[in-house]
Structure formats: C-alpha cells, structure tokens
Amino acid sequence: MRLFLLWLFLGLVSVQSFYAQNVSAINVESVGDDSVRITYTLNDPSPERSYQVDIFAISRKDTFQLTTVSGQVGDSITAGTHSVVWDALAQLGRFRGPLAFRVRAIPSFLINDPSHSDLKLKRGTPYTFSWYGGNSHLDDLALVLYQYDNPIDTIKVVSQVNQYTWQIPQKLATGKGYRVKIAGTPMTNINEFTHSFSINRKVPLYYIIVPAATVVTGLVTYLIVRRKPLPEAPDPNEK
C-alpha cells in the first residue's frame, strides 16, 4: 500500500500540473495510505456563477478522469478555494509511476434573460433571450414556447450563439404562464426553462375602447343639439 503512494507522490513532485485560466493554486497531498487531497482555487468575479468541475490525472500513457472522488467537484461549484479527496487505490488498484493533475472548470448553463418571473411582454414587440455556459455556444439549441406545461410552438433553432431576439407574434394569445424551453443536443444535454412571463396587448384594451366611446358620445350630443331649431339669419334690409 505505501509503495503505491510513494511512487504516486514522487511523480507529483516532479511533474507539473495543468489547469485552465480560471483555476489556480492547485495543491496535492496524501491522505492516509491510499487517498489524495487536491485543493484548488476557482477564480470568478461573479460569486453567483456556478461551474461544472472535473479533475483529470495525466500519466505517461494516458489521461483519465478521477471518478472515486468526494468533496467540491461536479456541478454547481462557485468561486473560492475548494478541496477534493480522491480514493486512488479504489480507482487504480496497484499503480507505479508519475501522475500530474488537471482541474477543468466549465461554466454551468445559465439563462440570463429573463432574469426574473412575472415579466410582462407585449405582442408585436421584440424580446431578447440570452444564456451562458454549459458549452451552449458550441451547440444547436431549440427554443420552444410553452404555456404552463403545454408546448405551443418552436420559436427557433439557433446554432452556436448565446442569445436570440424573438419578435412576439401579433396573434399570440394573451395570458400568463408562458415560458421558453432551451433544449440542446446530446453534446451538451441542455434542457432548461426560462422564468415565466405574461403576454399582453401592445395597446391596452382600455385605450382602444375609450376613444371609440368618446366619438359615440360626441355624436349623440351633436344630434341632440341639432334637434333644437336654429335661429333665423337677420334680414339685411332691417334697420
């Protein structure tokens, strides 16, 4: 057992680790006789943005992902210093030779807009949906309009972009509970819904009815006034 770890850590001392630009301060140390603790710092100025974090070992022959791990690895990892324990013996069994480690952090898929529920959109106007992360910029994404849990129509299939401006149809029924599902291919497995929003008329019904009522009222008033006899014009010959 100790022979396994001795060779493993001699390799760690002599081989440089590789990591992405948003990962720094990778440190490796033994835990008991058969495990390894990997500490890394995930750098991001946005404390709310989450990442999918995976750790890989690089040997002389190949690169493989660490699977027998516990701690802050996987999805929903945010900025900060994190620790992961790898049960090396459970994954590799007997092993001799140097290993280096690489920490990969990919931003998790996040819908930026709409950023909150109960957004009110108007028919006949544009609205831009935007998203980020999850390798969405490399995939084909289908934007499907739903009302509550019922699919209505496919708005658009977009390729390798992080936003789409939707021209809201004039004839789309008004109401609440609308949302858009953004669905990717098996390459990313993206399948997320936006916050809900409502669809309203471009011109409120109040402003459509009131002017018409005003015209009708004016016409009635005019007719009532016209029913009174008009005064005769004065005779120019009278003094």
Foldseek 3Di string as FASTA:
>chain_A
DQQQVVQAVVQAVVDEAAEDPQKDDWDWDDDPRFKIKIKIFGDDPDQQWKWAKWKWKDFPPGIDTQDQKDWPHGIRHGGGMTMMMGRRCVVPPRDGGYIHMYMYIWTDKAWPPPPAAAAEAEAQAKDKTFIDILCQLQWWKWKFKDQAPHTDGTQDTDHNDGMDIGRHHQPPDWDWRIWIWIATDPVRRGTDIDHIYTYDHPDHPVVVPVVVVVVVVVVVVVVVVVVDDDDDDDDPPDD
